[in-house]
Amino acid sequence: MVALAERPCTPCRGGVSPLTPSECARYLAEVPDWELRNEGRTVARRFRFPDYRRALAFANAVSALAEETWHHPELVLGWGFCEVSLTTRKIGGLHESDFVMAARIDALASGPLDSAWLPPLPPPRRATR
């Protein structure tokens, strides 16, 4: 069986039914840190980081992956975290591609973030009197 992250992530054009809860459960077994939300219409995960800068770097990397695959998650960014939510709006629920994207995002998180995704540090502040 082909690993979920290696399957094609093809844009859903509509005209298909969203995945059922039992179909979602099979995919969730391959991305166990993700959870169903919004009555099973969304799959989401909160990623933790040691600081804001690394969370932002991760969000930037996910954004590049989203553009490459034409599958755009919702991202919520804060100090030390980036929450990712996936759904297929054209069908009002989840599609296999949402889980493929989740697996690819997990792969991004498990490896080192390329320094290109890290925003530059601002210059040090000068002390004021």
N, C-alpha and C. Protein backbone atom coordinates (compact mmCIF):
# COMPACT_ATOMS: atom_id res chain seq x y z
N MET A 1 0.85 -1.18 0.00
CA MET A 1 0.00 0.00 0.00
C MET A 1 0.89 1.25 0.00
N VAL A 2 0.54 2.22 -0.79
CA VAL A 2 1.31 3.46 -0.89
C VAL A 2 1.04 4.32 0.34
N ALA A 3 2.12 4.81 0.94
CA ALA A 3 1.97 5.67 2.11
C ALA A 3 1.12 6.88 1.76
N LEU A 4 0.36 7.33 2.71
CA LEU A 4 -0.57 8.44 2.49
C LEU A 4 0.14 9.68 1.94
N ALA A 5 1.29 10.02 2.48
CA ALA A 5 2.01 11.23 2.05
C ALA A 5 2.52 11.12 0.62
N GLU A 6 2.61 9.90 0.08
CA GLU A 6 3.12 9.69 -1.28
C GLU A 6 2.02 9.58 -2.32
N ARG A 7 0.78 9.58 -1.89
CA ARG A 7 -0.33 9.51 -2.84
C ARG A 7 -0.51 10.87 -3.50
N PRO A 8 -1.10 10.89 -4.69
CA PRO A 8 -1.32 12.19 -5.33
C PRO A 8 -2.35 13.01 -4.57
N CYS A 9 -2.10 14.30 -4.51
CA CYS A 9 -3.04 15.23 -3.88
C CYS A 9 -3.70 15.98 -5.02
N THR A 10 -4.80 15.43 -5.51
CA THR A 10 -5.46 16.02 -6.66
C THR A 10 -6.59 16.93 -6.19
N PRO A 11 -6.67 18.13 -6.75
CA PRO A 11 -7.74 19.04 -6.34
C PRO A 11 -9.12 18.42 -6.62
N CYS A 12 -9.99 18.53 -5.65
CA CYS A 12 -11.35 18.02 -5.79
C CYS A 12 -12.17 19.04 -6.58
N ARG A 13 -12.78 18.59 -7.63
CA ARG A 13 -13.59 19.48 -8.48
C ARG A 13 -15.06 19.47 -8.08
N GLY A 14 -15.38 18.72 -7.04
CA GLY A 14 -16.78 18.62 -6.62
C GLY A 14 -17.42 17.42 -7.27
N GLY A 15 -18.70 17.26 -7.05
CA GLY A 15 -19.44 16.16 -7.66
C GLY A 15 -19.24 14.81 -6.97
N VAL A 16 -18.56 14.80 -5.83
CA VAL A 16 -18.39 13.57 -5.05
C VAL A 16 -18.88 13.85 -3.64
N SER A 17 -19.20 12.78 -2.95
CA SER A 17 -19.67 12.93 -1.57
C SER A 17 -18.47 13.04 -0.64
N PRO A 18 -18.63 13.77 0.48
CA PRO A 18 -17.56 13.81 1.49
C PRO A 18 -17.37 12.41 2.08
N LEU A 19 -16.21 12.19 2.66
CA LEU A 19 -15.93 10.91 3.30
C LEU A 19 -16.88 10.68 4.48
N THR A 20 -17.22 9.44 4.68
CA THR A 20 -18.05 9.06 5.82
C THR A 20 -17.17 8.99 7.07
N PRO A 21 -17.78 8.96 8.26
CA PRO A 21 -16.98 8.83 9.48
C PRO A 21 -16.08 7.59 9.48
N SER A 22 -16.57 6.45 8.97
CA SER A 22 -15.73 5.25 8.96
C SER A 22 -14.58 5.37 7.97
N GLU A 23 -14.80 6.05 6.85
CA GLU A 23 -13.71 6.28 5.90
C GLU A 23 -12.67 7.22 6.52
N CYS A 24 -13.14 8.24 7.22
CA CYS A 24 -12.22 9.16 7.90
C CYS A 24 -11.39 8.42 8.94
N ALA A 25 -12.01 7.49 9.67
CA ALA A 25 -11.30 6.75 10.71
C ALA A 25 -10.13 5.97 10.13
N ARG A 26 -10.30 5.40 8.94
CA ARG A 26 -9.19 4.67 8.31
C ARG A 26 -8.03 5.60 7.99
N TYR A 27 -8.34 6.79 7.50
CA TYR A 27 -7.28 7.76 7.19
C TYR A 27 -6.64 8.30 8.48
N LEU A 28 -7.44 8.54 9.49
CA LEU A 28 -6.90 9.05 10.76
C LEU A 28 -5.89 8.08 11.38
N ALA A 29 -6.04 6.80 11.09
CA ALA A 29 -5.07 5.82 11.60
C ALA A 29 -3.68 6.11 11.04
N GLU A 30 -3.61 6.73 9.87
CA GLU A 30 -2.32 7.06 9.25
C GLU A 30 -1.79 8.43 9.67
N VAL A 31 -2.65 9.26 10.22
CA VAL A 31 -2.24 10.58 10.73
C VAL A 31 -2.84 10.74 12.13
N PRO A 32 -2.33 9.96 13.09
CA PRO A 32 -2.99 9.85 14.40
C PRO A 32 -2.98 11.11 15.25
N ASP A 33 -2.14 12.08 14.94
CA ASP A 33 -2.13 13.31 15.75
C ASP A 33 -3.17 14.32 15.29
N TRP A 34 -3.88 14.01 14.24
CA TRP A 34 -4.93 14.88 13.71
C TRP A 34 -6.26 14.45 14.31
N GLU A 35 -7.21 15.38 14.35
CA GLU A 35 -8.54 15.06 14.89
C GLU A 35 -9.63 15.65 14.00
N LEU A 36 -10.77 14.97 14.02
CA LEU A 36 -11.92 15.48 13.28
C LEU A 36 -12.57 16.59 14.09
N ARG A 37 -13.01 17.62 13.40
CA ARG A 37 -13.72 18.73 14.02
C ARG A 37 -14.88 19.13 13.11
N ASN A 38 -15.68 20.05 13.61
CA ASN A 38 -16.77 20.61 12.82
C ASN A 38 -17.68 19.50 12.27
N GLU A 39 -18.10 18.62 13.19
CA GLU A 39 -18.99 17.51 12.85
C GLU A 39 -18.43 16.63 11.74
N GLY A 40 -17.10 16.42 11.76
CA GLY A 40 -16.45 15.55 10.79
C GLY A 40 -16.19 16.17 9.43
N ARG A 41 -16.36 17.48 9.33
CA ARG A 41 -16.13 18.15 8.04
C ARG A 41 -14.73 18.74 7.92
N THR A 42 -13.97 18.70 9.02
CA THR A 42 -12.63 19.28 9.07
C THR A 42 -11.70 18.33 9.82
N VAL A 43 -10.45 18.29 9.40
CA VAL A 43 -9.42 17.56 10.13
C VAL A 43 -8.37 18.61 10.52
N ALA A 44 -7.91 18.56 11.78
CA ALA A 44 -7.04 19.63 12.28
C ALA A 44 -5.98 19.07 13.22
N ARG A 45 -4.91 19.84 13.33
CA ARG A 45 -3.82 19.50 14.26
C ARG A 45 -3.13 20.78 14.71
N ARG A 46 -2.74 20.82 15.97
CA ARG A 46 -1.95 21.92 16.51
C ARG A 46 -0.51 21.44 16.64
N PHE A 47 0.39 22.14 15.97
CA PHE A 47 1.82 21.86 16.04
C PHE A 47 2.45 22.80 17.04
N ARG A 48 3.36 22.30 17.87
CA ARG A 48 4.01 23.11 18.90
C ARG A 48 5.47 23.37 18.52
N PHE A 49 5.94 24.57 18.85
CA PHE A 49 7.30 25.00 18.55
C PHE A 49 7.87 25.75 19.74
N PRO A 50 9.21 25.87 19.80
CA PRO A 50 9.81 26.53 20.97
C PRO A 50 9.64 28.05 20.98
N ASP A 51 9.23 28.64 19.86
CA ASP A 51 9.08 30.09 19.82
C ASP A 51 8.21 30.49 18.62
N TYR A 52 7.93 31.77 18.54
CA TYR A 52 7.09 32.30 17.46
C TYR A 52 7.78 32.16 16.10
N ARG A 53 9.07 32.43 16.07
CA ARG A 53 9.82 32.44 14.81
C ARG A 53 9.76 31.06 14.12
N ARG A 54 9.91 30.00 14.89
CA ARG A 54 9.86 28.66 14.29
C ARG A 54 8.43 28.29 13.89
N ALA A 55 7.46 28.73 14.64
CA ALA A 55 6.06 28.50 14.25
C ALA A 55 5.77 29.21 12.94
N LEU A 56 6.28 30.43 12.79
CA LEU A 56 6.10 31.18 11.55
C LEU A 56 6.82 30.50 10.39
N ALA A 57 8.01 29.98 10.64
CA ALA A 57 8.75 29.27 9.60
C ALA A 57 7.95 28.05 9.13
N PHE A 58 7.35 27.33 10.07
CA PHE A 58 6.52 26.18 9.72
C PHE A 58 5.31 26.62 8.89
N ALA A 59 4.66 27.70 9.31
CA ALA A 59 3.51 28.21 8.55
C ALA A 59 3.93 28.59 7.13
N ASN A 60 5.11 29.18 6.98
CA ASN A 60 5.61 29.53 5.65
C ASN A 60 5.85 28.28 4.80
N ALA A 61 6.42 27.24 5.41
CA ALA A 61 6.66 26.00 4.68
C ALA A 61 5.34 25.34 4.28
N VAL A 62 4.36 25.34 5.17
CA VAL A 62 3.04 24.78 4.84
C VAL A 62 2.41 25.59 3.71
N SER A 63 2.56 26.90 3.74
CA SER A 63 2.01 27.75 2.68
C SER A 63 2.61 27.42 1.32
N ALA A 64 3.91 27.18 1.29
CA ALA A 64 4.56 26.82 0.02
C ALA A 64 4.05 25.47 -0.48
N LEU A 65 3.91 24.51 0.43
CA LEU A 65 3.35 23.20 0.06
C LEU A 65 1.93 23.36 -0.46
N ALA A 66 1.15 24.21 0.18
CA ALA A 66 -0.24 24.45 -0.25
C ALA A 66 -0.29 25.00 -1.67
N GLU A 67 0.58 25.93 -1.97
CA GLU A 67 0.61 26.49 -3.33
C GLU A 67 1.03 25.44 -4.34
N GLU A 68 2.00 24.61 -3.97
CA GLU A 68 2.51 23.56 -4.86
C GLU A 68 1.42 22.55 -5.19
N THR A 69 0.61 22.19 -4.21
CA THR A 69 -0.41 21.15 -4.39
C THR A 69 -1.79 21.72 -4.69
N TRP A 70 -1.93 23.04 -4.59
CA TRP A 70 -3.20 23.72 -4.77
C TRP A 70 -4.25 23.19 -3.79
N HIS A 71 -3.79 23.01 -2.56
CA HIS A 71 -4.66 22.56 -1.47
C HIS A 71 -4.34 23.44 -0.27
N HIS A 72 -5.21 24.37 0.03
CA HIS A 72 -4.91 25.45 0.97
C HIS A 72 -5.61 25.27 2.31
N PRO A 73 -4.84 24.96 3.35
CA PRO A 73 -5.43 24.82 4.68
C PRO A 73 -5.64 26.18 5.34
N GLU A 74 -6.39 26.18 6.39
CA GLU A 74 -6.48 27.36 7.25
C GLU A 74 -5.38 27.22 8.29
N LEU A 75 -4.68 28.32 8.53
CA LEU A 75 -3.59 28.33 9.50
C LEU A 75 -3.90 29.35 10.59
N VAL A 76 -3.69 28.94 11.83
CA VAL A 76 -3.78 29.85 12.96
C VAL A 76 -2.40 29.84 13.61
N LEU A 77 -1.79 31.01 13.68
CA LEU A 77 -0.42 31.14 14.15
C LEU A 77 -0.37 31.92 15.45
N GLY A 78 0.41 31.46 16.39
CA GLY A 78 0.61 32.16 17.64
C GLY A 78 1.98 31.83 18.20
N TRP A 79 2.29 32.38 19.36
CA TRP A 79 3.60 32.13 19.96
C TRP A 79 3.71 30.64 20.30
N GLY A 80 4.62 29.95 19.61
CA GLY A 80 4.89 28.56 19.90
C GLY A 80 3.93 27.56 19.30
N PHE A 81 3.03 27.99 18.42
CA PHE A 81 2.13 27.01 17.80
C PHE A 81 1.68 27.47 16.42
N CYS A 82 1.30 26.48 15.63
CA CYS A 82 0.61 26.72 14.36
C CYS A 82 -0.45 25.64 14.24
N GLU A 83 -1.69 26.06 14.17
CA GLU A 83 -2.78 25.11 14.03
C GLU A 83 -3.19 25.06 12.56
N VAL A 84 -3.33 23.84 12.05
CA VAL A 84 -3.65 23.63 10.64
C VAL A 84 -4.99 22.92 10.57
N SER A 85 -5.91 23.44 9.74
CA SER A 85 -7.22 22.82 9.52
C SER A 85 -7.41 22.61 8.02
N LEU A 86 -7.89 21.43 7.68
CA LEU A 86 -8.12 21.07 6.29
C LEU A 86 -9.57 20.66 6.07
N THR A 87 -10.11 21.07 4.95
CA THR A 87 -11.43 20.64 4.51
C THR A 87 -11.49 20.86 3.00
N THR A 88 -12.44 20.24 2.36
CA THR A 88 -12.65 20.46 0.93
C THR A 88 -13.97 21.21 0.78
N ARG A 89 -13.86 22.48 0.55
CA ARG A 89 -15.05 23.35 0.52
C ARG A 89 -16.02 22.97 -0.59
N LYS A 90 -15.51 22.51 -1.72
CA LYS A 90 -16.39 22.18 -2.85
C LYS A 90 -17.38 21.07 -2.52
N ILE A 91 -17.03 20.21 -1.55
CA ILE A 91 -17.95 19.13 -1.20
C ILE A 91 -18.48 19.28 0.23
N GLY A 92 -18.07 20.32 0.91
CA GLY A 92 -18.57 20.57 2.27
C GLY A 92 -18.14 19.55 3.29
N GLY A 93 -16.96 18.98 3.08
CA GLY A 93 -16.46 17.97 4.02
C GLY A 93 -15.07 17.52 3.64
N LEU A 94 -14.75 16.31 4.04
CA LEU A 94 -13.40 15.80 3.83
C LEU A 94 -13.31 14.89 2.61
N HIS A 95 -12.16 14.94 1.97
CA HIS A 95 -11.81 14.15 0.79
C HIS A 95 -10.48 13.48 1.10
N GLU A 96 -10.15 12.43 0.38
CA GLU A 96 -8.86 11.77 0.60
C GLU A 96 -7.70 12.77 0.54
N SER A 97 -7.79 13.75 -0.34
CA SER A 97 -6.70 14.72 -0.49
C SER A 97 -6.45 15.52 0.79
N ASP A 98 -7.46 15.72 1.61
CA ASP A 98 -7.25 16.40 2.89
C ASP A 98 -6.31 15.59 3.77
N PHE A 99 -6.46 14.27 3.76
CA PHE A 99 -5.61 13.41 4.57
C PHE A 99 -4.22 13.25 3.95
N VAL A 100 -4.14 13.27 2.63
CA VAL A 100 -2.84 13.26 1.95
C VAL A 100 -2.07 14.51 2.36
N MET A 101 -2.75 15.64 2.34
CA MET A 101 -2.11 16.89 2.73
C MET A 101 -1.70 16.86 4.21
N ALA A 102 -2.54 16.30 5.06
CA ALA A 102 -2.20 16.18 6.48
C ALA A 102 -0.92 15.36 6.66
N ALA A 103 -0.79 14.27 5.93
CA ALA A 103 0.40 13.43 6.01
C ALA A 103 1.63 14.18 5.51
N ARG A 104 1.48 14.97 4.47
CA ARG A 104 2.61 15.75 3.95
C ARG A 104 3.02 16.84 4.94
N ILE A 105 2.05 17.43 5.60
CA ILE A 105 2.34 18.45 6.61
C ILE A 105 3.05 17.80 7.81
N ASP A 106 2.62 16.60 8.19
CA ASP A 106 3.32 15.87 9.25
C ASP A 106 4.78 15.64 8.88
N ALA A 107 5.03 15.29 7.61
CA ALA A 107 6.40 15.06 7.15
C ALA A 107 7.23 16.34 7.25
N LEU A 108 6.61 17.48 6.92
CA LEU A 108 7.31 18.76 7.07
C LEU A 108 7.69 18.99 8.54
N ALA A 109 6.76 18.70 9.43
CA ALA A 109 6.98 18.96 10.85
C ALA A 109 8.02 18.02 11.45
N SER A 110 8.15 16.83 10.90
CA SER A 110 9.08 15.86 11.50
C SER A 110 10.52 16.08 11.07
N GLY A 111 10.72 16.86 10.01
CA GLY A 111 12.09 17.11 9.56
C GLY A 111 12.55 18.49 9.99
N PRO A 112 13.83 18.77 9.74
CA PRO A 112 14.31 20.11 10.08
C PRO A 112 13.72 21.14 9.12
N LEU A 113 13.36 22.29 9.64
CA LEU A 113 12.85 23.36 8.79
C LEU A 113 14.02 24.02 8.07
N ASP A 114 13.91 24.14 6.78
CA ASP A 114 14.94 24.80 5.99
C ASP A 114 15.08 26.24 6.50
N SER A 115 16.30 26.70 6.64
CA SER A 115 16.51 28.05 7.16
C SER A 115 15.89 29.12 6.27
N ALA A 116 15.59 28.78 5.02
CA ALA A 116 14.94 29.74 4.12
C ALA A 116 13.56 30.13 4.64
N TRP A 117 12.93 29.25 5.43
CA TRP A 117 11.59 29.55 5.95
C TRP A 117 11.64 30.41 7.21
N LEU A 118 12.82 30.52 7.81
CA LEU A 118 12.94 31.31 9.04
C LEU A 118 13.02 32.79 8.71
N PRO A 119 12.15 33.59 9.27
CA PRO A 119 12.24 35.03 9.02
C PRO A 119 13.51 35.58 9.68
N PRO A 120 14.08 36.64 9.11
CA PRO A 120 15.28 37.20 9.72
C PRO A 120 14.96 37.80 11.09
N LEU A 121 15.93 37.75 11.95
CA LEU A 121 15.76 38.36 13.26
C LEU A 121 15.88 39.87 13.13
N PRO A 122 15.08 40.61 13.88
CA PRO A 122 15.21 42.07 13.83
C PRO A 122 16.53 42.48 14.50
N PRO A 123 17.00 43.68 14.19
CA PRO A 123 18.23 44.14 14.85
C PRO A 123 17.98 44.28 16.35
N PRO A 124 19.03 44.15 17.15
CA PRO A 124 18.85 44.30 18.60
C PRO A 124 18.35 45.69 18.95
N ARG A 125 17.53 45.75 19.97
CA ARG A 125 17.00 47.04 20.42
C ARG A 125 18.09 47.80 21.15
N ARG A 126 18.05 49.09 20.97
CA ARG A 126 18.97 49.95 21.72
C ARG A 126 18.32 50.28 23.07
N ALA A 127 19.14 50.30 24.06
CA ALA A 127 18.63 50.66 25.39
C ALA A 127 18.24 52.13 25.41
N THR A 128 17.12 52.42 26.00
CA THR A 128 16.68 53.81 26.13
C THR A 128 16.88 54.27 27.56
N ARG A 129 17.11 55.51 27.72
CA ARG A 129 17.33 56.05 29.08
C ARG A 129 16.10 56.65 29.63
